[in-house]
Amino acid sequence: MARILIVDDSPSQLMGIRRIVEKLGHEALTAEDGAAGVEAAKRELPDLILMDVVMPNLNGFQATRSITREPSTKHIPVVLVTTKDQDTDRVWGMRQGAKAYLTKPFSETELADAIAGTIGGGASPEPEPPTAA
């Protein structure tokens, strides 16, 4: 079971994502905007952060950059979960340090795959080719 911080300013999105995260057997922590998300990341040191982009105070790109550049939190993978679906948004999000990018609306399976692919339990790695003895 992983501890997953969900950062989203929409109460309905926060509740929906939390429900899926808990259904998958993970512990869900929440924050209502980017600034609160950065503080929660520093305080809680979760295993993963699911970060919205369009939020007040500190947007998700800024919060992701802050988390991935801070020595105490840079090891925490961030998945951006957002309605921003342009290629430039994806590129910019990854440049801020995000490990994955999921566009809303998403299915429960897509979110589960993004979580598993980021914190483990995703696709099996390719087997090592045999070496000549």
Protein backbone atom coordinates (compact mmCIF):
# COMPACT_ATOMS: atom_id res chain seq x y z
CA MET A 1 0.00 0.00 0.00
CA ALA A 2 1.32 3.41 -0.99
CA ARG A 3 0.61 6.80 0.52
CA ILE A 4 -0.69 9.02 -2.30
CA LEU A 5 -1.15 12.78 -2.05
CA ILE A 6 -3.97 14.10 -4.27
CA VAL A 7 -3.77 17.83 -5.04
CA ASP A 8 -6.86 19.32 -6.69
CA ASP A 9 -8.97 22.42 -6.03
CA SER A 10 -12.22 20.75 -7.16
CA PRO A 11 -13.96 18.97 -4.26
CA SER A 12 -15.72 16.57 -6.67
CA GLN A 13 -12.46 15.67 -8.46
CA LEU A 14 -10.68 15.27 -5.12
CA MET A 15 -13.42 12.94 -3.87
CA GLY A 16 -13.51 10.91 -7.11
CA ILE A 17 -9.76 10.41 -7.28
CA ARG A 18 -9.62 9.63 -3.55
CA ARG A 19 -12.30 6.95 -4.01
CA ILE A 20 -10.29 5.26 -6.76
CA VAL A 21 -7.00 5.50 -4.85
CA GLU A 22 -8.57 3.92 -1.74
CA LYS A 23 -10.34 1.26 -3.82
CA LEU A 24 -6.90 0.30 -5.14
CA GLY A 25 -5.80 -0.23 -1.53
CA HIS A 26 -3.70 2.90 -1.12
CA GLU A 27 -3.84 5.57 1.58
CA ALA A 28 -5.10 8.90 0.22
CA LEU A 29 -3.92 12.28 1.51
CA THR A 30 -5.39 15.48 0.06
CA ALA A 31 -4.54 19.14 -0.51
CA GLU A 32 -6.80 21.78 -2.07
CA ASP A 33 -4.27 23.83 -4.06
CA GLY A 34 -0.67 23.84 -5.23
CA ALA A 35 0.73 25.71 -2.23
CA ALA A 36 -0.99 23.35 0.21
CA GLY A 37 0.23 20.45 -1.92
CA VAL A 38 3.86 21.54 -1.64
CA GLU A 39 3.52 21.89 2.14
CA ALA A 40 1.78 18.50 2.44
CA ALA A 41 4.51 16.88 0.32
CA LYS A 42 7.20 18.24 2.66
CA ARG A 43 5.28 17.26 5.79
CA GLU A 44 3.93 13.83 4.75
CA LEU A 45 6.59 12.62 2.24
CA PRO A 46 4.06 10.53 0.28
CA ASP A 47 5.04 7.75 -2.14
CA LEU A 48 3.30 9.51 -5.06
CA ILE A 49 1.59 12.82 -5.83
CA LEU A 50 -1.37 13.17 -8.21
CA MET A 51 -1.32 16.87 -9.16
CA ASP A 52 -3.96 18.96 -10.92
CA VAL A 53 -2.60 21.86 -12.98
CA VAL A 54 -5.25 24.60 -13.02
CA MET A 55 -5.45 25.73 -9.37
CA PRO A 56 -5.33 29.00 -7.40
CA ASN A 57 -2.32 30.26 -5.41
CA LEU A 58 0.27 27.99 -7.03
CA ASN A 59 -0.62 26.08 -10.21
CA GLY A 60 0.31 22.43 -10.67
CA PHE A 61 3.26 23.17 -12.94
CA GLN A 62 4.75 25.53 -10.33
CA ALA A 63 4.02 23.12 -7.47
CA THR A 64 5.55 20.20 -9.40
CA ARG A 65 8.68 22.23 -10.12
CA SER A 66 8.95 23.18 -6.44
CA ILE A 67 8.52 19.57 -5.25
CA THR A 68 10.92 18.06 -7.78
CA ARG A 69 13.62 20.65 -7.09
CA GLU A 70 13.39 20.54 -3.27
CA PRO A 71 15.99 18.16 -1.79
CA SER A 72 13.56 16.70 0.77
CA THR A 73 10.85 15.91 -1.81
CA LYS A 74 12.63 15.47 -5.15
CA HIS A 75 12.43 11.67 -4.83
CA ILE A 76 8.60 11.74 -4.84
CA PRO A 77 7.14 11.01 -8.30
CA VAL A 78 4.48 13.44 -9.52
CA VAL A 79 1.74 12.51 -12.01
CA LEU A 80 -0.04 15.50 -13.50
CA VAL A 81 -3.79 14.86 -13.70
CA THR A 82 -5.38 17.70 -15.65
CA THR A 83 -7.82 18.92 -18.29
CA LYS A 84 -4.92 20.62 -20.14
CA ASP A 85 -4.45 18.29 -23.09
CA GLN A 86 -2.21 20.15 -25.53
CA ASP A 87 1.15 18.64 -26.49
CA THR A 88 2.87 21.79 -25.23
CA ASP A 89 1.22 21.28 -21.81
CA ARG A 90 2.51 17.72 -21.66
CA VAL A 91 6.03 18.75 -22.63
CA TRP A 92 6.03 21.62 -20.13
CA GLY A 93 4.70 19.36 -17.36
CA MET A 94 7.41 16.78 -17.95
CA ARG A 95 10.05 19.54 -18.01
CA GLN A 96 8.85 20.60 -14.55
CA GLY A 97 9.70 17.12 -13.28
CA ALA A 98 6.47 15.14 -13.67
CA LYS A 99 6.92 11.40 -14.27
CA ALA A 100 3.58 10.97 -16.10
CA TYR A 101 0.69 13.01 -17.48
CA LEU A 102 -2.96 11.93 -17.34
CA THR A 103 -5.70 13.93 -19.04
CA LYS A 104 -9.16 14.39 -17.47
CA PRO A 105 -11.61 12.84 -17.91
CA PHE A 106 -9.90 9.51 -17.34
CA SER A 107 -11.13 6.02 -16.56
CA GLU A 108 -10.46 4.22 -13.31
CA THR A 109 -8.22 1.83 -15.26
CA GLU A 110 -6.17 4.71 -16.71
CA LEU A 111 -5.60 6.14 -13.23
CA ALA A 112 -4.73 2.71 -11.81
CA ASP A 113 -2.25 2.17 -14.67
CA ALA A 114 -0.65 5.59 -14.10
CA ILE A 115 -0.26 4.84 -10.38
CA ALA A 116 1.11 1.34 -10.96
CA GLY A 117 3.43 2.51 -13.70
CA THR A 118 4.87 5.23 -11.49
CA ILE A 119 5.29 3.51 -8.12
CA GLY A 120 5.72 -0.07 -9.27
CA GLY A 121 3.47 -2.94 -10.11
CA GLY A 122 3.21 -1.74 -13.68
CA ALA A 123 4.31 -3.59 -16.77
CA SER A 124 6.94 -6.21 -16.19
CA PRO A 125 10.43 -5.23 -17.32
CA GLU A 126 11.88 -6.91 -20.34
CA PRO A 127 13.84 -10.01 -19.37
CA GLU A 128 17.62 -9.76 -19.61
CA PRO A 129 19.01 -11.54 -22.68
CA PRO A 130 21.11 -14.59 -21.82
CA THR A 131 24.83 -13.95 -21.63
CA ALA A 132 27.39 -16.21 -23.18
CA ALA A 133 29.41 -18.06 -20.55
